[in-house]
Amino acid sequence: MVRGKVEMKRIENATSRQVTFSKRRNGVLKKAYELSVLCDAQVALIIFSQKGRLYEFSSSNMQRIIQRYMEYTKEERTASNIDDVVRMQHLKKETAFMARQIELLENSQRKLLGHNLGPCSMEELHEIENCLERSLKNITTRKSQLFKNEIERLQAKEKVLLMENVELRQKFALMRTRNAENYEQQLSLSTQSSEVETELFIGPPSNKKL
């Protein structure tokens, strides 16, 4: 069964806190001693209680272990400082290089716009001219491509409109045919009705010819 993580917090009761400190302190000192004996390790442990009382354990001379620790951390700090210096120098070089590249690009842009051409030599002016010609060629090519795409789009739209026009003409012709047929049928019915023989008799019903 996996138990949830128990949150550690300060023991509020002073008596319980002192009892726990004594038990845990003795346990930590015992573990430090066992580690030094079993693993032949140099172990130094320093504990200050809440009231400032010192408890310590050392597998050998405490001062020597502390001195060794200070020398080791000094070497680590020195190596870290050297790495930081090298890193900062590298960043400064990259920053200077990027600033120079930006300056060159800005100067080139101003020259392409026709500014600051006074100090330019014939070779530089010729290079600027070639660059402008290449740019103009690229712009013209892109413009032609856009025109071509627009023409193809309009042609496709025209094709769709023509098809819709044909369909509308067919529907209109069919409608006219149906209207003509309906008109002929109505005309035929009207003619048949007018051809029915009717006679008008004047006088008494007895004079009606049979």
N, C-alpha and C. Protein backbone atom coordinates (compact mmCIF):
# COMPACT_ATOMS: atom_id res chain seq x y z
N MET A 1 0.85 -1.19 0.00
CA MET A 1 0.00 0.00 0.00
C MET A 1 0.88 1.24 0.00
N VAL A 2 0.66 2.15 -0.91
CA VAL A 2 1.46 3.37 -1.02
C VAL A 2 0.88 4.43 -0.10
N ARG A 3 1.71 4.91 0.82
CA ARG A 3 1.26 5.93 1.75
C ARG A 3 1.54 7.31 1.19
N GLY A 4 0.67 8.26 1.52
CA GLY A 4 0.88 9.62 1.06
C GLY A 4 2.05 10.27 1.77
N LYS A 5 2.58 11.31 1.16
CA LYS A 5 3.72 12.02 1.73
C LYS A 5 3.27 12.77 2.97
N VAL A 6 4.02 12.55 4.10
CA VAL A 6 3.69 13.20 5.37
C VAL A 6 4.35 14.57 5.39
N GLU A 7 3.57 15.60 5.66
CA GLU A 7 4.10 16.95 5.70
C GLU A 7 4.85 17.19 7.00
N MET A 8 6.08 17.67 6.90
CA MET A 8 6.90 17.95 8.07
C MET A 8 6.61 19.37 8.54
N LYS A 9 6.45 19.54 9.83
CA LYS A 9 6.26 20.86 10.40
C LYS A 9 6.79 20.90 11.83
N ARG A 10 6.97 22.08 12.31
CA ARG A 10 7.55 22.29 13.63
C ARG A 10 6.62 21.78 14.72
N ILE A 11 7.24 21.10 15.71
CA ILE A 11 6.46 20.60 16.86
C ILE A 11 6.20 21.79 17.78
N GLU A 12 4.94 22.04 18.06
CA GLU A 12 4.57 23.22 18.85
C GLU A 12 4.86 23.04 20.34
N ASN A 13 4.62 21.85 20.85
CA ASN A 13 4.83 21.60 22.28
C ASN A 13 6.33 21.55 22.58
N ALA A 14 6.78 22.37 23.52
CA ALA A 14 8.21 22.47 23.82
C ALA A 14 8.78 21.18 24.38
N THR A 15 8.04 20.50 25.27
CA THR A 15 8.53 19.26 25.85
C THR A 15 8.67 18.17 24.80
N SER A 16 7.63 18.02 23.97
CA SER A 16 7.69 17.02 22.90
C SER A 16 8.80 17.35 21.91
N ARG A 17 9.00 18.63 21.65
CA ARG A 17 10.05 19.05 20.71
C ARG A 17 11.43 18.68 21.26
N GLN A 18 11.66 18.86 22.59
CA GLN A 18 12.95 18.54 23.19
C GLN A 18 13.19 17.03 23.20
N VAL A 19 12.14 16.26 23.46
CA VAL A 19 12.28 14.79 23.47
C VAL A 19 12.61 14.29 22.06
N THR A 20 11.91 14.82 21.08
CA THR A 20 12.15 14.42 19.69
C THR A 20 13.57 14.79 19.27
N PHE A 21 14.03 15.99 19.67
CA PHE A 21 15.38 16.43 19.32
C PHE A 21 16.42 15.48 19.89
N SER A 22 16.24 15.08 21.14
CA SER A 22 17.22 14.18 21.78
C SER A 22 17.28 12.84 21.06
N LYS A 23 16.10 12.29 20.72
CA LYS A 23 16.07 10.99 20.05
C LYS A 23 16.68 11.08 18.65
N ARG A 24 16.26 12.07 17.89
CA ARG A 24 16.76 12.20 16.52
C ARG A 24 18.26 12.54 16.51
N ARG A 25 18.71 13.35 17.47
CA ARG A 25 20.12 13.71 17.54
C ARG A 25 20.98 12.48 17.79
N ASN A 26 20.57 11.67 18.73
CA ASN A 26 21.34 10.46 19.02
C ASN A 26 21.34 9.52 17.82
N GLY A 27 20.19 9.45 17.12
CA GLY A 27 20.12 8.60 15.94
C GLY A 27 21.05 9.08 14.83
N VAL A 28 21.09 10.40 14.61
CA VAL A 28 21.96 10.96 13.57
C VAL A 28 23.42 10.74 13.93
N LEU A 29 23.80 10.95 15.17
CA LEU A 29 25.19 10.72 15.60
C LEU A 29 25.57 9.26 15.44
N LYS A 30 24.65 8.36 15.75
CA LYS A 30 24.93 6.94 15.58
C LYS A 30 25.11 6.58 14.12
N LYS A 31 24.26 7.14 13.23
CA LYS A 31 24.38 6.87 11.79
C LYS A 31 25.70 7.41 11.25
N ALA A 32 26.13 8.58 11.74
CA ALA A 32 27.40 9.14 11.29
C ALA A 32 28.56 8.24 11.70
N TYR A 33 28.52 7.74 12.90
CA TYR A 33 29.58 6.83 13.37
C TYR A 33 29.60 5.54 12.54
N GLU A 34 28.41 4.96 12.30
CA GLU A 34 28.34 3.73 11.52
C GLU A 34 28.85 3.94 10.10
N LEU A 35 28.53 5.08 9.51
CA LEU A 35 28.97 5.38 8.16
C LEU A 35 30.49 5.48 8.10
N SER A 36 31.09 6.10 9.09
CA SER A 36 32.55 6.25 9.10
C SER A 36 33.25 4.91 9.29
N VAL A 37 32.66 4.04 10.09
CA VAL A 37 33.30 2.75 10.35
C VAL A 37 33.06 1.78 9.20
N LEU A 38 31.84 1.64 8.76
CA LEU A 38 31.51 0.67 7.72
C LEU A 38 32.12 1.03 6.36
N CYS A 39 32.16 2.30 6.04
CA CYS A 39 32.58 2.74 4.70
C CYS A 39 33.96 3.41 4.71
N ASP A 40 34.61 3.45 5.87
CA ASP A 40 35.93 4.07 5.99
C ASP A 40 35.90 5.48 5.41
N ALA A 41 34.87 6.24 5.77
CA ALA A 41 34.68 7.60 5.27
C ALA A 41 35.02 8.60 6.36
N GLN A 42 35.48 9.77 5.93
CA GLN A 42 35.71 10.85 6.87
C GLN A 42 34.40 11.61 7.05
N VAL A 43 33.89 11.57 8.27
CA VAL A 43 32.59 12.15 8.56
C VAL A 43 32.74 13.18 9.67
N ALA A 44 32.14 14.34 9.45
CA ALA A 44 32.09 15.38 10.47
C ALA A 44 30.66 15.87 10.56
N LEU A 45 30.13 15.88 11.78
CA LEU A 45 28.74 16.27 12.00
C LEU A 45 28.70 17.33 13.08
N ILE A 46 28.00 18.43 12.79
CA ILE A 46 27.87 19.53 13.75
C ILE A 46 26.39 19.85 13.90
N ILE A 47 25.93 19.89 15.16
CA ILE A 47 24.53 20.17 15.46
C ILE A 47 24.46 21.24 16.54
N PHE A 48 23.64 22.26 16.31
CA PHE A 48 23.33 23.26 17.32
C PHE A 48 21.87 23.13 17.68
N SER A 49 21.61 23.01 18.98
CA SER A 49 20.22 22.92 19.43
C SER A 49 19.57 24.28 19.35
N GLN A 50 18.25 24.31 19.66
CA GLN A 50 17.52 25.57 19.62
C GLN A 50 18.09 26.57 20.63
N LYS A 51 18.65 26.07 21.73
CA LYS A 51 19.22 26.94 22.77
C LYS A 51 20.68 27.26 22.51
N GLY A 52 21.23 26.76 21.39
CA GLY A 52 22.60 27.08 21.04
C GLY A 52 23.64 26.10 21.55
N ARG A 53 23.23 24.97 22.09
CA ARG A 53 24.17 23.97 22.59
C ARG A 53 24.75 23.19 21.42
N LEU A 54 26.06 22.94 21.47
CA LEU A 54 26.76 22.28 20.37
C LEU A 54 26.86 20.78 20.62
N TYR A 55 26.56 20.02 19.54
CA TYR A 55 26.77 18.56 19.54
C TYR A 55 27.54 18.26 18.25
N GLU A 56 28.59 17.46 18.37
CA GLU A 56 29.40 17.19 17.20
C GLU A 56 29.94 15.77 17.24
N PHE A 57 30.30 15.29 16.03
CA PHE A 57 30.97 14.00 15.88
C PHE A 57 31.95 14.12 14.73
N SER A 58 33.11 13.52 14.90
CA SER A 58 34.12 13.52 13.86
C SER A 58 34.83 12.18 13.86
N SER A 59 34.96 11.59 12.69
CA SER A 59 35.65 10.31 12.58
C SER A 59 37.15 10.47 12.74
N SER A 60 37.65 11.70 12.56
CA SER A 60 39.07 12.00 12.80
C SER A 60 39.12 13.41 13.39
N ASN A 61 40.19 14.15 13.13
CA ASN A 61 40.31 15.49 13.66
C ASN A 61 39.30 16.41 12.98
N MET A 62 38.47 17.06 13.80
CA MET A 62 37.41 17.92 13.27
C MET A 62 37.99 19.09 12.48
N GLN A 63 39.06 19.72 13.00
CA GLN A 63 39.66 20.88 12.34
C GLN A 63 40.21 20.50 10.97
N ARG A 64 40.83 19.33 10.88
CA ARG A 64 41.38 18.90 9.59
C ARG A 64 40.26 18.67 8.56
N ILE A 65 39.18 18.06 9.02
CA ILE A 65 38.05 17.83 8.10
C ILE A 65 37.46 19.15 7.64
N ILE A 66 37.33 20.10 8.58
CA ILE A 66 36.77 21.40 8.22
C ILE A 66 37.72 22.13 7.25
N GLN A 67 39.04 22.03 7.52
CA GLN A 67 40.01 22.65 6.64
C GLN A 67 39.95 22.04 5.24
N ARG A 68 39.83 20.72 5.21
CA ARG A 68 39.71 20.04 3.91
C ARG A 68 38.45 20.49 3.18
N TYR A 69 37.37 20.66 3.92
CA TYR A 69 36.12 21.13 3.32
C TYR A 69 36.28 22.54 2.75
N MET A 70 36.95 23.42 3.51
CA MET A 70 37.14 24.78 3.05
C MET A 70 37.99 24.83 1.79
N GLU A 71 39.04 24.01 1.75
CA GLU A 71 39.90 23.97 0.56
C GLU A 71 39.12 23.45 -0.65
N TYR A 72 38.30 22.42 -0.42
CA TYR A 72 37.53 21.84 -1.51
C TYR A 72 36.52 22.85 -2.06
N THR A 73 35.80 23.51 -1.17
CA THR A 73 34.80 24.48 -1.63
C THR A 73 35.47 25.68 -2.27
N LYS A 74 36.70 26.03 -1.79
CA LYS A 74 37.42 27.12 -2.42
C LYS A 74 37.79 26.79 -3.86
N GLU A 75 38.25 25.56 -4.08
CA GLU A 75 38.56 25.11 -5.43
C GLU A 75 37.32 25.12 -6.31
N GLU A 76 36.20 24.67 -5.74
CA GLU A 76 34.95 24.67 -6.49
C GLU A 76 34.53 26.09 -6.86
N ARG A 77 34.65 27.01 -5.89
CA ARG A 77 34.28 28.40 -6.16
C ARG A 77 35.21 29.02 -7.19
N THR A 78 36.52 28.67 -7.08
CA THR A 78 37.48 29.22 -8.05
C THR A 78 37.18 28.72 -9.46
N ALA A 79 36.90 27.39 -9.57
CA ALA A 79 36.57 26.82 -10.88
C ALA A 79 35.29 27.43 -11.42
N SER A 80 34.32 27.63 -10.52
CA SER A 80 33.05 28.23 -10.95
C SER A 80 33.27 29.66 -11.40
N ASN A 81 34.12 30.41 -10.67
CA ASN A 81 34.40 31.80 -11.05
C ASN A 81 35.12 31.86 -12.40
N ILE A 82 36.04 30.91 -12.60
CA ILE A 82 36.75 30.88 -13.89
C ILE A 82 35.78 30.60 -15.02
N ASP A 83 34.88 29.65 -14.80
CA ASP A 83 33.86 29.35 -15.82
C ASP A 83 33.00 30.57 -16.10
N ASP A 84 32.65 31.31 -15.04
CA ASP A 84 31.83 32.50 -15.22
C ASP A 84 32.58 33.57 -16.02
N VAL A 85 33.88 33.71 -15.73
CA VAL A 85 34.68 34.70 -16.45
C VAL A 85 34.77 34.34 -17.92
N VAL A 86 35.04 33.05 -18.19
CA VAL A 86 35.14 32.60 -19.58
C VAL A 86 33.81 32.78 -20.29
N ARG A 87 32.72 32.47 -19.60
CA ARG A 87 31.40 32.61 -20.19
C ARG A 87 31.09 34.09 -20.49
N MET A 88 31.46 34.97 -19.57
CA MET A 88 31.22 36.39 -19.78
C MET A 88 32.05 36.93 -20.94
N GLN A 89 33.29 36.48 -21.05
CA GLN A 89 34.12 36.91 -22.17
C GLN A 89 33.54 36.45 -23.50
N HIS A 90 33.05 35.21 -23.51
CA HIS A 90 32.44 34.69 -24.73
C HIS A 90 31.20 35.49 -25.10
N LEU A 91 30.39 35.83 -24.09
CA LEU A 91 29.19 36.62 -24.35
C LEU A 91 29.54 38.03 -24.84
N LYS A 92 30.60 38.61 -24.28
CA LYS A 92 31.02 39.94 -24.74
C LYS A 92 31.46 39.89 -26.20
N LYS A 93 32.20 38.84 -26.57
CA LYS A 93 32.64 38.72 -27.96
C LYS A 93 31.45 38.55 -28.89
N GLU A 94 30.50 37.71 -28.49
CA GLU A 94 29.30 37.52 -29.31
C GLU A 94 28.50 38.82 -29.43
N THR A 95 28.40 39.56 -28.32
CA THR A 95 27.67 40.83 -28.35
C THR A 95 28.34 41.83 -29.28
N ALA A 96 29.69 41.93 -29.19
CA ALA A 96 30.42 42.84 -30.06
C ALA A 96 30.27 42.45 -31.53
N PHE A 97 30.32 41.14 -31.79
CA PHE A 97 30.19 40.66 -33.17
C PHE A 97 28.80 40.98 -33.72
N MET A 98 27.75 40.74 -32.92
CA MET A 98 26.39 41.04 -33.35
C MET A 98 26.20 42.53 -33.57
N ALA A 99 26.79 43.36 -32.69
CA ALA A 99 26.68 44.82 -32.86
C ALA A 99 27.35 45.26 -34.16
N ARG A 100 28.49 44.66 -34.47
CA ARG A 100 29.17 44.99 -35.71
C ARG A 100 28.36 44.57 -36.92
N GLN A 101 27.75 43.39 -36.86
CA GLN A 101 26.92 42.92 -37.97
C GLN A 101 25.72 43.83 -38.17
N ILE A 102 25.11 44.25 -37.08
CA ILE A 102 23.95 45.17 -37.18
C ILE A 102 24.37 46.49 -37.80
N GLU A 103 25.55 47.00 -37.40
CA GLU A 103 26.04 48.25 -37.96
C GLU A 103 26.29 48.12 -39.47
N LEU A 104 26.89 47.00 -39.88
CA LEU A 104 27.14 46.78 -41.30
C LEU A 104 25.83 46.69 -42.10
N LEU A 105 24.84 46.00 -41.52
CA LEU A 105 23.55 45.89 -42.20
C LEU A 105 22.86 47.24 -42.32
N GLU A 106 22.95 48.05 -41.26
CA GLU A 106 22.33 49.38 -41.32
C GLU A 106 23.02 50.26 -42.36
N ASN A 107 24.35 50.19 -42.42
CA ASN A 107 25.08 50.97 -43.43
C ASN A 107 24.72 50.51 -44.84
N SER A 108 24.63 49.19 -45.00
CA SER A 108 24.27 48.65 -46.32
C SER A 108 22.87 49.09 -46.71
N GLN A 109 21.95 49.10 -45.75
CA GLN A 109 20.58 49.52 -46.04
C GLN A 109 20.54 50.99 -46.43
N ARG A 110 21.29 51.84 -45.73
CA ARG A 110 21.31 53.26 -46.06
C ARG A 110 21.86 53.48 -47.47
N LYS A 111 22.90 52.72 -47.83
CA LYS A 111 23.48 52.86 -49.16
C LYS A 111 22.50 52.40 -50.24
N LEU A 112 21.77 51.31 -49.94
CA LEU A 112 20.78 50.85 -50.92
C LEU A 112 19.66 51.87 -51.11
N LEU A 113 19.41 52.67 -50.08
CA LEU A 113 18.40 53.72 -50.18
C LEU A 113 18.95 55.00 -50.80
N GLY A 114 20.27 54.98 -51.15
CA GLY A 114 20.86 56.14 -51.80
C GLY A 114 21.50 57.13 -50.87
N HIS A 115 21.72 56.75 -49.60
CA HIS A 115 22.32 57.66 -48.64
C HIS A 115 23.78 57.27 -48.38
N ASN A 116 24.56 58.25 -47.94
CA ASN A 116 25.97 58.03 -47.57
C ASN A 116 26.77 57.37 -48.69
N LEU A 117 26.56 57.81 -49.92
CA LEU A 117 27.28 57.24 -51.06
C LEU A 117 28.58 57.98 -51.37
N GLY A 118 28.80 59.11 -50.70
CA GLY A 118 29.99 59.92 -50.98
C GLY A 118 31.29 59.16 -50.80
N PRO A 119 31.50 58.47 -49.67
CA PRO A 119 32.78 57.79 -49.45
C PRO A 119 32.94 56.50 -50.26
N CYS A 120 31.92 56.07 -50.98
CA CYS A 120 31.98 54.78 -51.68
C CYS A 120 32.90 54.87 -52.89
N SER A 121 33.63 53.79 -53.12
CA SER A 121 34.49 53.70 -54.30
C SER A 121 33.67 53.20 -55.48
N MET A 122 34.33 53.16 -56.64
CA MET A 122 33.64 52.68 -57.84
C MET A 122 33.23 51.22 -57.68
N GLU A 123 34.08 50.43 -57.06
CA GLU A 123 33.74 49.01 -56.86
C GLU A 123 32.53 48.87 -55.95
N GLU A 124 32.49 49.66 -54.89
CA GLU A 124 31.35 49.60 -53.97
C GLU A 124 30.07 50.05 -54.66
N LEU A 125 30.16 51.12 -55.45
CA LEU A 125 28.97 51.58 -56.17
C LEU A 125 28.51 50.55 -57.19
N HIS A 126 29.47 49.90 -57.83
CA HIS A 126 29.12 48.85 -58.79
C HIS A 126 28.43 47.68 -58.08
N GLU A 127 28.93 47.33 -56.91
CA GLU A 127 28.31 46.25 -56.14
C GLU A 127 26.90 46.63 -55.69
N ILE A 128 26.73 47.88 -55.26
CA ILE A 128 25.39 48.35 -54.87
C ILE A 128 24.43 48.30 -56.05
N GLU A 129 24.94 48.72 -57.23
CA GLU A 129 24.11 48.68 -58.43
C GLU A 129 23.70 47.26 -58.78
N ASN A 130 24.65 46.33 -58.70
CA ASN A 130 24.32 44.93 -58.97
C ASN A 130 23.30 44.39 -57.97
N CYS A 131 23.47 44.79 -56.73
CA CYS A 131 22.54 44.34 -55.69
C CYS A 131 21.14 44.87 -55.97
N LEU A 132 21.04 46.13 -56.37
CA LEU A 132 19.73 46.70 -56.69
C LEU A 132 19.11 46.02 -57.90
N GLU A 133 19.95 45.71 -58.89
CA GLU A 133 19.43 45.02 -60.08
C GLU A 133 18.91 43.64 -59.71
N ARG A 134 19.64 42.94 -58.85
CA ARG A 134 19.15 41.61 -58.41
C ARG A 134 17.85 41.74 -57.63
N SER A 135 17.79 42.76 -56.78
CA SER A 135 16.56 42.97 -56.01
C SER A 135 15.39 43.30 -56.93
N LEU A 136 15.65 44.18 -57.94
CA LEU A 136 14.60 44.53 -58.88
C LEU A 136 14.14 43.31 -59.67
N LYS A 137 15.10 42.46 -60.05
CA LYS A 137 14.75 41.25 -60.78
C LYS A 137 13.88 40.33 -59.93
N ASN A 138 14.24 40.18 -58.67
CA ASN A 138 13.44 39.34 -57.77
C ASN A 138 12.05 39.92 -57.58
N ILE A 139 11.98 41.25 -57.47
CA ILE A 139 10.67 41.90 -57.29
C ILE A 139 9.82 41.70 -58.54
N THR A 140 10.43 41.86 -59.71
CA THR A 140 9.70 41.68 -60.96
C THR A 140 9.21 40.25 -61.11
N THR A 141 10.07 39.31 -60.76
CA THR A 141 9.68 37.90 -60.83
C THR A 141 8.51 37.61 -59.90
N ARG A 142 8.60 38.14 -58.69
CA ARG A 142 7.52 37.93 -57.73
C ARG A 142 6.23 38.59 -58.20
N LYS A 143 6.35 39.78 -58.77
CA LYS A 143 5.18 40.49 -59.27
C LYS A 143 4.53 39.72 -60.40
N SER A 144 5.34 39.19 -61.32
CA SER A 144 4.81 38.40 -62.44
C SER A 144 4.11 37.15 -61.93
N GLN A 145 4.68 36.53 -60.92
CA GLN A 145 4.05 35.34 -60.35
C GLN A 145 2.70 35.67 -59.73
N LEU A 146 2.62 36.81 -59.03
CA LEU A 146 1.35 37.23 -58.44
C LEU A 146 0.31 37.52 -59.52
N PHE A 147 0.75 38.18 -60.63
CA PHE A 147 -0.17 38.43 -61.74
C PHE A 147 -0.67 37.12 -62.34
N LYS A 148 0.23 36.18 -62.50
CA LYS A 148 -0.14 34.88 -63.07
C LYS A 148 -1.15 34.17 -62.18
N ASN A 149 -0.89 34.19 -60.87
CA ASN A 149 -1.81 33.55 -59.93
C ASN A 149 -3.18 34.21 -59.98
N GLU A 150 -3.21 35.56 -60.09
CA GLU A 150 -4.47 36.28 -60.14
C GLU A 150 -5.23 35.97 -61.43
N ILE A 151 -4.50 35.89 -62.55
CA ILE A 151 -5.15 35.55 -63.83
C ILE A 151 -5.74 34.15 -63.78
N GLU A 152 -4.99 33.20 -63.22
CA GLU A 152 -5.50 31.83 -63.10
C GLU A 152 -6.74 31.78 -62.20
N ARG A 153 -6.73 32.59 -61.15
CA ARG A 153 -7.89 32.62 -60.26
C ARG A 153 -9.11 33.18 -60.98
N LEU A 154 -8.91 34.27 -61.75
CA LEU A 154 -10.02 34.88 -62.49
C LEU A 154 -10.52 33.95 -63.59
N GLN A 155 -9.61 33.23 -64.26
CA GLN A 155 -10.03 32.29 -65.29
C GLN A 155 -10.87 31.15 -64.68
N ALA A 156 -10.45 30.68 -63.54
CA ALA A 156 -11.22 29.63 -62.87
C ALA A 156 -12.60 30.16 -62.48
N LYS A 157 -12.65 31.41 -61.99
CA LYS A 157 -13.93 32.01 -61.62
C LYS A 157 -14.81 32.19 -62.85
N GLU A 158 -14.19 32.62 -64.00
CA GLU A 158 -14.94 32.78 -65.24
C GLU A 158 -15.53 31.45 -65.70
N LYS A 159 -14.77 30.38 -65.56
CA LYS A 159 -15.26 29.07 -65.96
C LYS A 159 -16.47 28.66 -65.14
N VAL A 160 -16.41 28.93 -63.86
CA VAL A 160 -17.54 28.60 -62.98
C VAL A 160 -18.76 29.42 -63.37
N LEU A 161 -18.56 30.73 -63.65
CA LEU A 161 -19.68 31.58 -64.04
C LEU A 161 -20.29 31.15 -65.37
N LEU A 162 -19.46 30.72 -66.32
CA LEU A 162 -19.98 30.24 -67.60
C LEU A 162 -20.83 28.98 -67.41
N MET A 163 -20.36 28.09 -66.57
CA MET A 163 -21.14 26.87 -66.30
C MET A 163 -22.48 27.23 -65.65
N GLU A 164 -22.45 28.17 -64.71
CA GLU A 164 -23.69 28.59 -64.08
C GLU A 164 -24.62 29.26 -65.09
N ASN A 165 -24.04 30.02 -66.05
CA ASN A 165 -24.85 30.67 -67.08
C ASN A 165 -25.52 29.64 -67.98
N VAL A 166 -24.77 28.59 -68.36
CA VAL A 166 -25.35 27.52 -69.19
C VAL A 166 -26.50 26.85 -68.47
N GLU A 167 -26.30 26.57 -67.18
CA GLU A 167 -27.37 25.93 -66.40
C GLU A 167 -28.60 26.82 -66.33
N LEU A 168 -28.38 28.14 -66.14
CA LEU A 168 -29.53 29.06 -66.09
C LEU A 168 -30.26 29.13 -67.43
N ARG A 169 -29.50 29.12 -68.55
CA ARG A 169 -30.14 29.12 -69.87
C ARG A 169 -30.98 27.87 -70.09
N GLN A 170 -30.43 26.73 -69.68
CA GLN A 170 -31.18 25.48 -69.82
C GLN A 170 -32.46 25.51 -68.99
N LYS A 171 -32.37 26.03 -67.78
CA LYS A 171 -33.57 26.11 -66.94
C LYS A 171 -34.59 27.07 -67.56
N PHE A 172 -34.11 28.19 -68.12
CA PHE A 172 -35.02 29.16 -68.73
C PHE A 172 -35.70 28.58 -69.96
N ALA A 173 -34.94 27.84 -70.81
CA ALA A 173 -35.52 27.22 -72.00
C ALA A 173 -36.56 26.18 -71.59
N LEU A 174 -36.26 25.39 -70.55
CA LEU A 174 -37.21 24.39 -70.09
C LEU A 174 -38.48 25.06 -69.57
N MET A 175 -38.31 26.16 -68.88
CA MET A 175 -39.47 26.89 -68.36
C MET A 175 -40.32 27.44 -69.49
N ARG A 176 -39.69 27.98 -70.54
CA ARG A 176 -40.44 28.50 -71.68
C ARG A 176 -41.20 27.38 -72.39
N THR A 177 -40.55 26.22 -72.52
CA THR A 177 -41.23 25.08 -73.17
C THR A 177 -42.46 24.68 -72.38
N ARG A 178 -42.32 24.62 -71.06
CA ARG A 178 -43.46 24.23 -70.23
C ARG A 178 -44.57 25.28 -70.30
N ASN A 179 -44.19 26.55 -70.31
CA ASN A 179 -45.20 27.61 -70.39
C ASN A 179 -45.93 27.55 -71.74
N ALA A 180 -45.19 27.26 -72.85
CA ALA A 180 -45.81 27.15 -74.17
C ALA A 180 -46.78 25.98 -74.22
N GLU A 181 -46.39 24.87 -73.63
CA GLU A 181 -47.27 23.70 -73.60
C GLU A 181 -48.53 24.00 -72.81
N ASN A 182 -48.36 24.66 -71.67
CA ASN A 182 -49.54 25.01 -70.87
C ASN A 182 -50.46 25.97 -71.64
N TYR A 183 -49.86 26.91 -72.37
CA TYR A 183 -50.67 27.86 -73.14
C TYR A 183 -51.43 27.14 -74.26
N GLU A 184 -50.79 26.21 -74.95
CA GLU A 184 -51.46 25.47 -76.01
C GLU A 184 -52.61 24.63 -75.45
N GLN A 185 -52.40 24.04 -74.30
CA GLN A 185 -53.46 23.24 -73.68
C GLN A 185 -54.65 24.14 -73.32
N GLN A 186 -54.38 25.28 -72.75
CA GLN A 186 -55.47 26.19 -72.40
C GLN A 186 -56.19 26.69 -73.65
N LEU A 187 -55.44 26.97 -74.72
CA LEU A 187 -56.04 27.44 -75.97
C LEU A 187 -56.91 26.36 -76.59
N SER A 188 -56.45 25.13 -76.54
CA SER A 188 -57.22 24.02 -77.09
C SER A 188 -58.53 23.84 -76.34
N LEU A 189 -58.47 23.92 -75.02
CA LEU A 189 -59.68 23.80 -74.21
C LEU A 189 -60.64 24.93 -74.51
N SER A 190 -60.12 26.12 -74.70
CA SER A 190 -60.98 27.27 -75.00
C SER A 190 -61.64 27.11 -76.36
N THR A 191 -60.91 26.58 -77.36
CA THR A 191 -61.48 26.37 -78.71
C THR A 191 -62.60 25.34 -78.68
N GLN A 192 -62.36 24.25 -77.98
CA GLN A 192 -63.38 23.20 -77.86
C GLN A 192 -64.63 23.74 -77.19
N SER A 193 -64.51 24.59 -76.26
CA SER A 193 -65.67 25.14 -75.57
C SER A 193 -66.48 26.06 -76.49
N SER A 194 -65.78 26.80 -77.37
CA SER A 194 -66.48 27.74 -78.27
C SER A 194 -67.17 27.02 -79.42
N GLU A 195 -66.75 25.78 -79.74
CA GLU A 195 -67.34 25.04 -80.84
C GLU A 195 -68.61 24.27 -80.44
N VAL A 196 -69.01 24.31 -79.22
CA VAL A 196 -70.23 23.62 -78.79
C VAL A 196 -71.46 24.33 -79.41
N GLU A 197 -72.37 23.57 -80.12
CA GLU A 197 -73.52 24.13 -80.85
C GLU A 197 -74.58 24.60 -79.87
N THR A 198 -75.01 25.82 -80.07
CA THR A 198 -76.09 26.39 -79.25
C THR A 198 -77.16 26.95 -80.17
N GLU A 199 -78.44 26.78 -79.84
CA GLU A 199 -79.55 27.29 -80.63
C GLU A 199 -80.44 28.17 -79.77
N LEU A 200 -81.00 29.19 -80.43
CA LEU A 200 -81.88 30.11 -79.72
C LEU A 200 -83.30 29.97 -80.30
N PHE A 201 -84.27 29.63 -79.50
CA PHE A 201 -85.67 29.45 -79.92
C PHE A 201 -86.50 30.59 -79.36
N ILE A 202 -87.31 31.12 -80.26
CA ILE A 202 -88.21 32.21 -79.85
C ILE A 202 -89.65 31.69 -79.94
N GLY A 203 -90.39 31.87 -78.94
CA GLY A 203 -91.77 31.43 -78.94
C GLY A 203 -92.00 30.39 -77.88
N PRO A 204 -93.23 29.86 -77.90
CA PRO A 204 -93.55 28.86 -76.88
C PRO A 204 -92.74 27.59 -77.07
N PRO A 205 -92.58 26.88 -76.02
CA PRO A 205 -91.82 25.64 -76.09
C PRO A 205 -92.41 24.64 -77.06
N SER A 206 -93.73 24.74 -77.34
CA SER A 206 -94.34 23.77 -78.24
C SER A 206 -93.87 23.94 -79.67
N ASN A 207 -93.35 25.13 -80.02
CA ASN A 207 -92.87 25.38 -81.38
C ASN A 207 -91.44 24.89 -81.56
N LYS A 208 -90.78 24.39 -80.54
CA LYS A 208 -89.39 23.93 -80.64
C LYS A 208 -89.30 22.74 -81.51
N LYS A 209 -88.47 22.80 -82.48
CA LYS A 209 -88.28 21.66 -83.40
C LYS A 209 -87.44 20.61 -82.69
N LEU A 210 -87.94 19.43 -82.89
CA LEU A 210 -87.21 18.29 -82.35
C LEU A 210 -86.29 17.74 -83.40
